């Protein structure tokens, strides 16, 4: 099993976990958050537990959909919707059987430029049968894009959803439209997560 003890993204993932640390109040039974812990120590404890105990997964990205009512046909023809990419994640289940995960991924963005991102996600899970489940929640992510802030990483909080088994899921996140002006936001990003255990 891959260990993250000296992985250079650990600090970035801890910061991402903080973005949503208050969004999920559910605590894991084996690592309760102490009342006297500060926000940074609480985020570190959460991130360290996921990285040390979580199931290791491969993330494969391949498609991004730009809203047809937000972008003109000509603009869509210029954009990259085959946003191929690769990433890795670690995920654990809470005592309520919901899911917390940390991830890092690199994709080809809508402008055919590299887009690295790393973050924390919390999903409330609901079984649909013996093996299939759906999930919905939020992700706090740090993103670097060449067309924003000169490539300097910036934070975002986005919805996330999934459907599949515990081992393999189709997942998606959505970037909403930023303003009434056309040509920004309204983007659905989809990827597959496959456990490697």
N, C-alpha and C. Protein backbone atom coordinates (compact mmCIF):
# COMPACT_ATOMS: atom_id res chain seq x y z
N UNK A 1 0.85 -1.19 0.00
CA UNK A 1 0.00 0.00 0.00
C UNK A 1 0.89 1.25 0.00
N UNK A 2 0.55 2.21 -0.85
CA UNK A 2 1.32 3.44 -0.95
C UNK A 2 1.17 4.26 0.32
N UNK A 3 2.28 4.72 0.88
CA UNK A 3 2.25 5.55 2.07
C UNK A 3 2.47 7.01 1.69
N UNK A 4 1.80 7.91 2.39
CA UNK A 4 1.88 9.32 2.08
C UNK A 4 2.65 10.10 3.14
N UNK A 5 3.42 9.41 3.98
CA UNK A 5 4.06 10.11 5.09
C UNK A 5 4.98 11.21 4.62
N UNK A 6 5.63 11.05 3.47
CA UNK A 6 6.54 12.06 2.98
C UNK A 6 6.08 12.62 1.64
N UNK A 7 4.80 12.41 1.32
CA UNK A 7 4.24 12.90 0.08
C UNK A 7 4.17 14.42 0.15
N UNK A 8 4.75 15.17 -0.83
CA UNK A 8 4.80 16.62 -0.75
C UNK A 8 3.44 17.30 -0.80
N UNK A 9 2.38 16.60 -1.21
CA UNK A 9 1.06 17.22 -1.25
C UNK A 9 0.35 17.19 0.10
N UNK A 10 0.98 16.59 1.11
CA UNK A 10 0.29 16.45 2.40
C UNK A 10 -0.18 17.81 2.94
N UNK A 11 0.66 18.83 2.88
CA UNK A 11 0.26 20.15 3.40
C UNK A 11 -0.87 20.74 2.57
N UNK A 12 -0.83 20.57 1.25
CA UNK A 12 -1.90 21.06 0.39
C UNK A 12 -3.20 20.35 0.71
N UNK A 13 -3.14 19.05 0.92
CA UNK A 13 -4.34 18.28 1.22
C UNK A 13 -4.90 18.65 2.59
N UNK A 14 -4.03 18.95 3.53
CA UNK A 14 -4.50 19.40 4.86
C UNK A 14 -5.26 20.72 4.71
N UNK A 15 -4.72 21.62 3.90
CA UNK A 15 -5.40 22.90 3.68
C UNK A 15 -6.74 22.69 2.99
N UNK A 16 -6.79 21.76 2.05
CA UNK A 16 -8.05 21.46 1.36
C UNK A 16 -9.06 20.86 2.32
N UNK A 17 -8.58 20.00 3.21
CA UNK A 17 -9.48 19.41 4.20
C UNK A 17 -10.10 20.49 5.07
N UNK A 18 -9.33 21.53 5.38
CA UNK A 18 -9.86 22.62 6.19
C UNK A 18 -11.01 23.34 5.50
N UNK A 19 -10.95 23.43 4.15
CA UNK A 19 -12.00 24.13 3.42
C UNK A 19 -13.37 23.55 3.71
N UNK A 20 -13.41 22.24 4.02
CA UNK A 20 -14.69 21.60 4.30
C UNK A 20 -14.76 20.96 5.68
N UNK A 21 -13.80 21.25 6.52
CA UNK A 21 -13.75 20.59 7.83
C UNK A 21 -15.04 20.84 8.61
N UNK A 22 -15.60 22.02 8.46
CA UNK A 22 -16.83 22.31 9.18
C UNK A 22 -18.07 21.84 8.44
N UNK A 23 -17.91 21.46 7.15
CA UNK A 23 -19.07 21.02 6.38
C UNK A 23 -19.54 19.64 6.82
N UNK A 24 -18.62 18.82 7.29
CA UNK A 24 -19.00 17.48 7.75
C UNK A 24 -18.75 17.38 9.24
N UNK A 25 -19.78 17.36 10.02
CA UNK A 25 -19.64 17.27 11.47
C UNK A 25 -19.55 15.83 11.93
N UNK A 26 -19.83 14.88 11.02
CA UNK A 26 -19.73 13.46 11.38
C UNK A 26 -18.29 13.11 11.68
N UNK A 27 -18.07 12.45 12.81
CA UNK A 27 -16.73 12.07 13.21
C UNK A 27 -16.55 10.57 13.07
N UNK A 28 -15.35 10.15 12.72
CA UNK A 28 -15.06 8.72 12.68
C UNK A 28 -14.86 8.22 14.10
N UNK A 29 -15.29 6.98 14.35
CA UNK A 29 -15.26 6.44 15.70
C UNK A 29 -13.86 6.30 16.24
N UNK A 30 -12.90 6.01 15.37
CA UNK A 30 -11.55 5.74 15.86
C UNK A 30 -10.71 6.99 16.03
N UNK A 31 -11.17 8.13 15.52
CA UNK A 31 -10.38 9.36 15.64
C UNK A 31 -11.28 10.55 15.91
N UNK A 32 -11.87 10.62 17.11
CA UNK A 32 -12.72 11.75 17.41
C UNK A 32 -11.92 13.05 17.47
N UNK A 33 -12.53 14.13 17.00
CA UNK A 33 -11.86 15.43 17.05
C UNK A 33 -12.05 16.01 18.44
N UNK A 34 -10.96 16.38 19.08
CA UNK A 34 -11.03 16.90 20.43
C UNK A 34 -11.55 18.32 20.41
N UNK A 35 -12.30 18.66 21.47
CA UNK A 35 -12.89 19.99 21.55
C UNK A 35 -11.84 21.09 21.59
N UNK A 36 -10.67 20.82 22.19
CA UNK A 36 -9.67 21.86 22.37
C UNK A 36 -8.73 21.97 21.17
N UNK A 37 -8.96 21.20 20.13
CA UNK A 37 -8.12 21.28 18.94
C UNK A 37 -8.48 22.52 18.14
N UNK A 38 -7.47 23.25 17.65
CA UNK A 38 -7.71 24.36 16.75
C UNK A 38 -8.09 23.85 15.37
N UNK A 39 -8.52 24.77 14.51
CA UNK A 39 -8.98 24.36 13.18
C UNK A 39 -7.87 23.71 12.38
N UNK A 40 -6.62 24.22 12.49
CA UNK A 40 -5.53 23.63 11.70
C UNK A 40 -5.20 22.23 12.21
N UNK A 41 -5.15 22.05 13.53
CA UNK A 41 -4.86 20.74 14.09
C UNK A 41 -5.98 19.76 13.76
N UNK A 42 -7.23 20.23 13.77
CA UNK A 42 -8.35 19.37 13.43
C UNK A 42 -8.28 18.94 11.96
N UNK A 43 -7.96 19.89 11.07
CA UNK A 43 -7.82 19.56 9.65
C UNK A 43 -6.67 18.59 9.42
N UNK A 44 -5.56 18.79 10.11
CA UNK A 44 -4.42 17.88 9.97
C UNK A 44 -4.76 16.48 10.44
N UNK A 45 -5.47 16.39 11.58
CA UNK A 45 -5.84 15.08 12.11
C UNK A 45 -6.75 14.35 11.13
N UNK A 46 -7.71 15.09 10.55
CA UNK A 46 -8.62 14.48 9.58
C UNK A 46 -7.87 14.02 8.35
N UNK A 47 -7.00 14.88 7.81
CA UNK A 47 -6.23 14.54 6.60
C UNK A 47 -5.29 13.36 6.87
N UNK A 48 -4.60 13.38 8.01
CA UNK A 48 -3.67 12.30 8.32
C UNK A 48 -4.38 10.96 8.46
N UNK A 49 -5.57 10.97 9.06
CA UNK A 49 -6.32 9.71 9.19
C UNK A 49 -6.69 9.16 7.83
N UNK A 50 -7.18 10.03 6.93
CA UNK A 50 -7.57 9.57 5.60
C UNK A 50 -6.36 9.06 4.84
N UNK A 51 -5.24 9.79 4.90
CA UNK A 51 -4.05 9.39 4.15
C UNK A 51 -3.43 8.11 4.70
N UNK A 52 -3.47 7.93 6.01
CA UNK A 52 -2.84 6.76 6.61
C UNK A 52 -3.72 5.51 6.56
N UNK A 53 -5.05 5.68 6.64
CA UNK A 53 -5.94 4.53 6.76
C UNK A 53 -6.86 4.32 5.57
N UNK A 54 -6.92 5.29 4.66
CA UNK A 54 -7.87 5.22 3.56
C UNK A 54 -7.50 4.20 2.49
N UNK A 55 -8.52 3.79 1.73
CA UNK A 55 -8.31 2.91 0.58
C UNK A 55 -7.76 3.73 -0.58
N UNK A 56 -6.75 3.19 -1.25
CA UNK A 56 -6.06 3.88 -2.33
C UNK A 56 -6.78 3.63 -3.65
N UNK A 57 -7.03 4.70 -4.43
CA UNK A 57 -7.79 4.59 -5.67
C UNK A 57 -7.11 5.34 -6.80
N UNK A 58 -7.37 4.86 -8.01
CA UNK A 58 -6.94 5.52 -9.24
C UNK A 58 -8.13 6.33 -9.77
N UNK A 59 -7.86 7.55 -10.24
CA UNK A 59 -8.90 8.40 -10.81
C UNK A 59 -8.57 8.65 -12.27
N UNK A 60 -9.54 8.35 -13.15
CA UNK A 60 -9.35 8.53 -14.59
C UNK A 60 -10.38 9.53 -15.10
N UNK A 61 -9.90 10.65 -15.63
CA UNK A 61 -10.78 11.68 -16.17
C UNK A 61 -10.82 11.58 -17.69
N UNK A 62 -11.93 11.99 -18.29
CA UNK A 62 -12.01 11.88 -19.73
C UNK A 62 -13.01 12.80 -20.39
N UNK A 63 -13.96 13.37 -19.63
CA UNK A 63 -14.98 14.19 -20.30
C UNK A 63 -15.41 15.36 -19.43
N UNK A 64 -15.53 16.51 -20.06
CA UNK A 64 -16.09 17.71 -19.46
C UNK A 64 -17.17 18.24 -20.40
N UNK A 65 -18.33 18.55 -19.84
CA UNK A 65 -19.44 19.04 -20.66
C UNK A 65 -19.69 20.51 -20.35
N UNK A 66 -19.63 21.33 -21.40
CA UNK A 66 -19.92 22.77 -21.27
C UNK A 66 -21.38 23.00 -21.64
N UNK A 67 -22.09 23.72 -20.77
CA UNK A 67 -23.52 23.95 -20.98
C UNK A 67 -23.82 24.59 -22.33
N UNK A 68 -24.72 23.98 -23.09
CA UNK A 68 -25.03 24.46 -24.43
C UNK A 68 -25.81 25.77 -24.42
N UNK A 69 -26.40 26.13 -23.29
CA UNK A 69 -27.09 27.42 -23.19
C UNK A 69 -26.16 28.54 -22.71
N UNK A 70 -24.95 28.15 -22.30
CA UNK A 70 -24.00 29.14 -21.80
C UNK A 70 -22.92 29.46 -22.82
N UNK A 71 -22.57 28.50 -23.64
CA UNK A 71 -21.52 28.68 -24.63
C UNK A 71 -22.11 28.58 -26.04
N UNK A 72 -21.62 29.42 -26.94
CA UNK A 72 -22.07 29.35 -28.32
C UNK A 72 -21.50 28.10 -28.98
N UNK A 73 -22.12 27.69 -30.08
CA UNK A 73 -21.65 26.52 -30.81
C UNK A 73 -20.21 26.73 -31.29
N UNK A 74 -19.89 27.96 -31.70
CA UNK A 74 -18.54 28.26 -32.17
C UNK A 74 -17.53 28.15 -31.03
N UNK A 75 -17.93 28.64 -29.86
CA UNK A 75 -17.02 28.58 -28.71
C UNK A 75 -16.80 27.14 -28.26
N UNK A 76 -17.84 26.34 -28.24
CA UNK A 76 -17.71 24.94 -27.84
C UNK A 76 -16.78 24.20 -28.79
N UNK A 77 -16.83 24.54 -30.06
CA UNK A 77 -15.95 23.90 -31.04
C UNK A 77 -14.48 24.19 -30.75
N UNK A 78 -14.20 25.31 -30.08
CA UNK A 78 -12.82 25.68 -29.73
C UNK A 78 -12.36 25.05 -28.42
N UNK A 79 -13.30 24.62 -27.60
CA UNK A 79 -12.97 24.13 -26.26
C UNK A 79 -12.66 22.64 -26.26
N UNK A 80 -11.89 22.22 -25.27
CA UNK A 80 -11.54 20.82 -25.08
C UNK A 80 -12.57 20.17 -24.16
N UNK A 81 -13.33 19.22 -24.66
CA UNK A 81 -14.26 18.48 -23.82
C UNK A 81 -13.75 17.08 -23.50
N UNK A 82 -12.64 16.69 -24.11
CA UNK A 82 -11.97 15.43 -23.78
C UNK A 82 -10.82 15.73 -22.83
N UNK A 83 -11.18 16.06 -21.62
CA UNK A 83 -10.21 16.53 -20.62
C UNK A 83 -9.54 15.34 -19.93
N UNK A 84 -8.74 14.62 -20.70
CA UNK A 84 -8.08 13.43 -20.17
C UNK A 84 -7.17 13.78 -19.00
N UNK A 85 -7.13 12.90 -18.02
CA UNK A 85 -6.28 13.13 -16.88
C UNK A 85 -6.20 11.92 -15.97
N UNK A 86 -5.34 12.04 -14.99
CA UNK A 86 -5.04 10.94 -14.08
C UNK A 86 -4.86 11.50 -12.68
N UNK A 87 -5.31 10.74 -11.69
CA UNK A 87 -5.12 11.16 -10.32
C UNK A 87 -5.21 9.98 -9.37
N UNK A 88 -5.03 10.28 -8.09
CA UNK A 88 -5.08 9.27 -7.05
C UNK A 88 -5.86 9.83 -5.87
N UNK A 89 -6.49 8.95 -5.13
CA UNK A 89 -7.23 9.39 -3.95
C UNK A 89 -7.11 8.34 -2.85
N UNK A 90 -7.43 8.79 -1.65
CA UNK A 90 -7.58 7.90 -0.50
C UNK A 90 -8.91 8.25 0.15
N UNK A 91 -9.69 7.21 0.49
CA UNK A 91 -11.02 7.42 1.04
C UNK A 91 -11.27 6.51 2.23
N UNK A 92 -12.02 7.02 3.20
CA UNK A 92 -12.46 6.24 4.34
C UNK A 92 -13.95 6.40 4.52
N UNK A 93 -14.54 5.50 5.28
CA UNK A 93 -15.95 5.59 5.64
C UNK A 93 -16.07 6.09 7.07
N UNK A 94 -17.07 6.93 7.32
CA UNK A 94 -17.34 7.39 8.67
C UNK A 94 -18.19 6.35 9.39
N UNK A 95 -18.44 6.57 10.65
CA UNK A 95 -19.27 5.62 11.40
C UNK A 95 -20.71 5.62 10.89
N UNK A 96 -21.12 6.70 10.20
CA UNK A 96 -22.45 6.74 9.59
C UNK A 96 -22.45 6.13 8.19
N UNK A 97 -21.30 5.57 7.75
CA UNK A 97 -21.13 4.96 6.44
C UNK A 97 -21.18 5.98 5.31
N UNK A 98 -20.82 7.22 5.60
CA UNK A 98 -20.59 8.22 4.57
C UNK A 98 -19.12 8.17 4.19
N UNK A 99 -18.71 8.98 3.23
CA UNK A 99 -17.36 8.87 2.70
C UNK A 99 -16.60 10.19 2.76
N UNK A 100 -15.36 10.12 3.23
CA UNK A 100 -14.44 11.25 3.18
C UNK A 100 -13.23 10.84 2.34
N UNK A 101 -12.76 11.75 1.50
CA UNK A 101 -11.61 11.41 0.66
C UNK A 101 -10.71 12.62 0.44
N UNK A 102 -9.46 12.32 0.17
CA UNK A 102 -8.48 13.31 -0.27
C UNK A 102 -7.97 12.85 -1.63
N UNK A 103 -7.69 13.79 -2.50
CA UNK A 103 -7.30 13.41 -3.86
C UNK A 103 -6.36 14.45 -4.47
N UNK A 104 -5.64 14.02 -5.48
CA UNK A 104 -4.83 14.90 -6.31
C UNK A 104 -4.96 14.41 -7.74
N UNK A 105 -5.11 15.35 -8.68
CA UNK A 105 -5.35 14.97 -10.07
C UNK A 105 -4.75 16.01 -11.01
N UNK A 106 -4.35 15.55 -12.18
CA UNK A 106 -3.90 16.44 -13.25
C UNK A 106 -4.71 16.11 -14.49
N UNK A 107 -5.32 17.15 -15.09
CA UNK A 107 -6.09 16.95 -16.31
C UNK A 107 -5.67 17.97 -17.36
N UNK A 108 -6.14 17.75 -18.58
CA UNK A 108 -6.03 18.75 -19.64
C UNK A 108 -7.28 19.60 -19.56
N UNK A 109 -7.15 20.91 -19.32
CA UNK A 109 -8.33 21.73 -19.08
C UNK A 109 -9.05 22.08 -20.39
N UNK A 110 -10.05 22.93 -20.29
CA UNK A 110 -10.87 23.28 -21.45
C UNK A 110 -10.09 23.98 -22.55
N UNK A 111 -8.90 24.50 -22.19
CA UNK A 111 -8.07 25.21 -23.16
C UNK A 111 -6.83 24.39 -23.54
N UNK A 112 -6.87 23.08 -23.27
CA UNK A 112 -5.78 22.15 -23.60
C UNK A 112 -4.51 22.43 -22.80
N UNK A 113 -4.65 23.06 -21.64
CA UNK A 113 -3.53 23.35 -20.75
C UNK A 113 -3.58 22.43 -19.54
N UNK A 114 -2.43 22.14 -18.91
CA UNK A 114 -2.45 21.29 -17.71
C UNK A 114 -3.15 21.98 -16.55
N UNK A 115 -3.99 21.23 -15.84
CA UNK A 115 -4.72 21.75 -14.67
C UNK A 115 -4.54 20.80 -13.49
N UNK A 116 -3.59 21.09 -12.60
CA UNK A 116 -3.46 20.28 -11.38
C UNK A 116 -4.48 20.73 -10.34
N UNK A 117 -4.94 19.78 -9.52
CA UNK A 117 -5.85 20.11 -8.44
C UNK A 117 -5.71 19.08 -7.32
N UNK A 118 -5.97 19.52 -6.12
CA UNK A 118 -5.91 18.63 -4.96
C UNK A 118 -6.98 19.09 -3.98
N UNK A 119 -7.65 18.13 -3.33
CA UNK A 119 -8.72 18.54 -2.44
C UNK A 119 -9.23 17.47 -1.52
N UNK A 120 -10.29 17.84 -0.83
CA UNK A 120 -11.00 17.01 0.15
C UNK A 120 -12.46 16.94 -0.28
N UNK A 121 -13.08 15.77 -0.16
CA UNK A 121 -14.49 15.62 -0.49
C UNK A 121 -15.22 14.87 0.60
N UNK A 122 -16.44 15.26 0.86
CA UNK A 122 -17.33 14.56 1.79
C UNK A 122 -18.61 14.23 1.03
N UNK A 123 -19.00 12.95 1.06
CA UNK A 123 -20.24 12.52 0.41
C UNK A 123 -21.13 11.78 1.39
N UNK A 124 -22.41 12.14 1.38
CA UNK A 124 -23.42 11.37 2.10
C UNK A 124 -23.85 10.24 1.17
N UNK A 125 -23.70 9.01 1.63
CA UNK A 125 -23.92 7.84 0.77
C UNK A 125 -25.27 7.19 1.06
N UNK A 126 -25.91 6.68 0.00
CA UNK A 126 -27.19 5.98 0.14
C UNK A 126 -27.15 4.73 -0.74
N UNK A 127 -27.40 3.54 -0.14
CA UNK A 127 -27.41 2.32 -0.95
C UNK A 127 -28.64 2.25 -1.85
N UNK A 128 -28.44 1.72 -3.07
CA UNK A 128 -29.54 1.49 -4.00
C UNK A 128 -29.87 0.00 -4.12
N UNK A 129 -29.08 -0.83 -3.49
CA UNK A 129 -29.25 -2.28 -3.54
C UNK A 129 -28.14 -2.92 -2.75
N UNK A 130 -27.84 -4.17 -3.05
CA UNK A 130 -26.81 -4.89 -2.32
C UNK A 130 -25.42 -4.31 -2.56
N UNK A 131 -25.16 -3.83 -3.79
CA UNK A 131 -23.81 -3.38 -4.13
C UNK A 131 -23.74 -1.94 -4.61
N UNK A 132 -24.80 -1.45 -5.25
CA UNK A 132 -24.76 -0.12 -5.86
C UNK A 132 -25.17 0.93 -4.83
N UNK A 133 -24.49 2.09 -4.89
CA UNK A 133 -24.80 3.20 -4.00
C UNK A 133 -24.65 4.51 -4.75
N UNK A 134 -25.33 5.54 -4.25
CA UNK A 134 -25.17 6.89 -4.79
C UNK A 134 -24.66 7.77 -3.66
N UNK A 135 -24.00 8.84 -4.04
CA UNK A 135 -23.48 9.76 -3.06
C UNK A 135 -23.61 11.19 -3.54
N UNK A 136 -23.68 12.09 -2.61
CA UNK A 136 -23.73 13.52 -2.93
C UNK A 136 -23.11 14.30 -1.80
N UNK A 137 -22.43 15.37 -2.13
CA UNK A 137 -21.81 16.18 -1.09
C UNK A 137 -21.07 17.37 -1.66
N UNK A 138 -19.96 17.70 -1.01
CA UNK A 138 -19.18 18.87 -1.39
C UNK A 138 -17.70 18.50 -1.46
N UNK A 139 -16.98 19.25 -2.27
CA UNK A 139 -15.53 19.13 -2.29
C UNK A 139 -14.90 20.50 -2.14
N UNK A 140 -13.87 20.57 -1.32
CA UNK A 140 -13.03 21.76 -1.22
C UNK A 140 -11.74 21.46 -1.95
N UNK A 141 -11.40 22.28 -2.94
CA UNK A 141 -10.30 21.95 -3.83
C UNK A 141 -9.43 23.17 -4.09
N UNK A 142 -8.13 22.92 -4.22
CA UNK A 142 -7.20 23.95 -4.68
C UNK A 142 -6.88 23.63 -6.14
N UNK A 143 -7.06 24.62 -7.01
CA UNK A 143 -6.92 24.43 -8.45
C UNK A 143 -5.89 25.41 -8.99
N UNK A 144 -5.09 24.96 -9.94
CA UNK A 144 -4.18 25.85 -10.65
C UNK A 144 -4.54 25.83 -12.13
N UNK A 145 -4.86 27.01 -12.67
CA UNK A 145 -5.20 27.15 -14.09
C UNK A 145 -4.40 28.31 -14.68
N UNK A 146 -3.97 28.13 -15.91
CA UNK A 146 -3.16 29.18 -16.54
C UNK A 146 -3.96 30.44 -16.83
N UNK A 147 -5.30 30.32 -16.93
CA UNK A 147 -6.12 31.49 -17.26
C UNK A 147 -6.68 32.20 -16.03
N UNK A 148 -6.31 31.77 -14.83
CA UNK A 148 -6.74 32.44 -13.60
C UNK A 148 -5.54 32.69 -12.70
N UNK A 149 -5.37 33.94 -12.26
CA UNK A 149 -4.36 34.31 -11.27
C UNK A 149 -2.94 33.88 -11.68
N UNK A 150 -2.68 33.88 -12.96
CA UNK A 150 -1.34 33.53 -13.44
C UNK A 150 -0.90 32.13 -13.06
N UNK A 151 -1.83 31.23 -12.89
CA UNK A 151 -1.50 29.85 -12.52
C UNK A 151 -1.36 29.62 -11.03
N UNK A 152 -1.51 30.69 -10.21
CA UNK A 152 -1.40 30.53 -8.74
C UNK A 152 -2.62 29.75 -8.24
N UNK A 153 -2.42 28.72 -7.39
CA UNK A 153 -3.56 27.91 -6.92
C UNK A 153 -4.60 28.74 -6.16
N UNK A 154 -5.86 28.46 -6.43
CA UNK A 154 -6.94 29.16 -5.76
C UNK A 154 -7.95 28.14 -5.25
N UNK A 155 -8.66 28.45 -4.15
CA UNK A 155 -9.60 27.50 -3.56
C UNK A 155 -10.99 27.61 -4.19
N UNK A 156 -11.71 26.51 -4.17
CA UNK A 156 -13.11 26.49 -4.60
C UNK A 156 -13.85 25.43 -3.80
N UNK A 157 -15.14 25.65 -3.59
CA UNK A 157 -16.02 24.66 -2.99
C UNK A 157 -17.10 24.34 -4.01
N UNK A 158 -17.19 23.06 -4.39
CA UNK A 158 -18.08 22.64 -5.46
C UNK A 158 -18.89 21.43 -5.03
N UNK A 159 -20.05 21.21 -5.65
CA UNK A 159 -20.81 19.98 -5.38
C UNK A 159 -20.11 18.78 -6.01
N UNK A 160 -20.29 17.61 -5.41
CA UNK A 160 -19.74 16.37 -5.96
C UNK A 160 -20.80 15.29 -5.80
N UNK A 161 -20.85 14.37 -6.78
CA UNK A 161 -21.82 13.28 -6.74
C UNK A 161 -21.19 12.03 -7.33
N UNK A 162 -21.75 10.86 -6.98
CA UNK A 162 -21.20 9.61 -7.49
C UNK A 162 -22.29 8.55 -7.57
N UNK A 163 -22.05 7.55 -8.41
CA UNK A 163 -22.89 6.36 -8.47
C UNK A 163 -21.99 5.18 -8.84
N UNK A 164 -22.20 4.06 -8.18
CA UNK A 164 -21.39 2.88 -8.44
C UNK A 164 -21.32 1.99 -7.22
N UNK A 165 -20.29 1.18 -7.16
CA UNK A 165 -20.05 0.33 -6.01
C UNK A 165 -19.03 1.00 -5.10
N UNK A 166 -18.74 0.36 -3.97
CA UNK A 166 -17.69 0.92 -3.11
C UNK A 166 -16.34 0.93 -3.80
N UNK A 167 -16.13 0.00 -4.73
CA UNK A 167 -14.82 -0.13 -5.37
C UNK A 167 -14.68 0.66 -6.65
N UNK A 168 -15.76 0.89 -7.37
CA UNK A 168 -15.70 1.61 -8.65
C UNK A 168 -16.88 2.56 -8.74
N UNK A 169 -16.59 3.84 -9.01
CA UNK A 169 -17.65 4.84 -9.06
C UNK A 169 -17.47 5.75 -10.27
N UNK A 170 -18.58 6.15 -10.88
CA UNK A 170 -18.61 7.27 -11.80
C UNK A 170 -18.89 8.50 -10.95
N UNK A 171 -18.01 9.49 -11.04
CA UNK A 171 -18.14 10.68 -10.19
C UNK A 171 -18.21 11.93 -11.06
N UNK A 172 -18.77 12.99 -10.49
CA UNK A 172 -18.89 14.25 -11.23
C UNK A 172 -18.89 15.41 -10.25
N UNK A 173 -18.42 16.54 -10.75
CA UNK A 173 -18.55 17.80 -10.03
C UNK A 173 -19.00 18.85 -11.02
N UNK A 174 -19.59 19.92 -10.51
CA UNK A 174 -20.19 20.94 -11.37
C UNK A 174 -19.68 22.31 -10.99
N UNK A 175 -19.23 23.06 -12.01
CA UNK A 175 -18.83 24.46 -11.81
C UNK A 175 -19.98 25.33 -12.29
N UNK A 176 -20.64 26.04 -11.39
CA UNK A 176 -21.80 26.83 -11.80
C UNK A 176 -21.40 28.05 -12.63
N UNK A 177 -22.39 28.63 -13.26
CA UNK A 177 -22.18 29.84 -14.04
C UNK A 177 -21.85 30.99 -13.10
N UNK A 178 -20.81 31.77 -13.43
CA UNK A 178 -20.33 32.82 -12.53
C UNK A 178 -21.13 34.12 -12.62
N UNK A 179 -21.74 34.38 -13.76
CA UNK A 179 -22.48 35.62 -13.95
C UNK A 179 -23.53 35.43 -15.02
N UNK A 180 -24.28 36.49 -15.32
CA UNK A 180 -25.28 36.43 -16.39
C UNK A 180 -24.62 36.39 -17.76
N UNK A 181 -23.36 36.80 -17.83
CA UNK A 181 -22.66 36.79 -19.12
C UNK A 181 -22.41 35.36 -19.56
N UNK A 182 -22.59 35.10 -20.83
CA UNK A 182 -22.34 33.76 -21.35
C UNK A 182 -20.84 33.52 -21.48
N UNK A 183 -20.47 32.23 -21.49
CA UNK A 183 -19.07 31.89 -21.74
C UNK A 183 -18.25 31.68 -20.49
N UNK A 184 -18.89 31.50 -19.33
CA UNK A 184 -18.13 31.17 -18.11
C UNK A 184 -18.95 30.25 -17.23
N UNK A 185 -18.25 29.33 -16.57
CA UNK A 185 -18.94 28.39 -15.69
C UNK A 185 -19.85 27.45 -16.46
N UNK A 186 -20.82 26.86 -15.74
CA UNK A 186 -21.76 25.90 -16.31
C UNK A 186 -21.01 24.73 -16.95
N UNK A 187 -20.14 24.11 -16.16
CA UNK A 187 -19.28 23.03 -16.65
C UNK A 187 -19.46 21.80 -15.76
N UNK A 188 -19.72 20.66 -16.37
CA UNK A 188 -19.83 19.38 -15.67
C UNK A 188 -18.58 18.56 -15.96
N UNK A 189 -17.86 18.19 -14.91
CA UNK A 189 -16.61 17.42 -15.05
C UNK A 189 -16.84 16.03 -14.51
N UNK A 190 -16.54 15.00 -15.33
CA UNK A 190 -16.81 13.61 -14.95
C UNK A 190 -15.53 12.77 -14.95
N UNK A 191 -15.47 11.81 -14.04
CA UNK A 191 -14.31 10.93 -13.96
C UNK A 191 -14.72 9.63 -13.28
N UNK A 192 -13.85 8.64 -13.39
CA UNK A 192 -14.09 7.33 -12.78
C UNK A 192 -13.05 7.11 -11.69
N UNK A 193 -13.49 6.56 -10.56
CA UNK A 193 -12.57 6.22 -9.47
C UNK A 193 -12.59 4.72 -9.25
N UNK A 194 -11.41 4.11 -9.27
CA UNK A 194 -11.28 2.64 -9.17
C UNK A 194 -10.33 2.32 -8.01
N UNK A 195 -10.82 1.56 -7.03
CA UNK A 195 -9.97 1.16 -5.90
C UNK A 195 -8.86 0.22 -6.38
N UNK A 196 -7.67 0.39 -5.80
CA UNK A 196 -6.51 -0.43 -6.17
C UNK A 196 -6.13 -1.41 -5.07
N UNK A 197 -6.99 -1.65 -4.11
CA UNK A 197 -6.64 -2.55 -3.01
C UNK A 197 -6.75 -3.99 -3.45
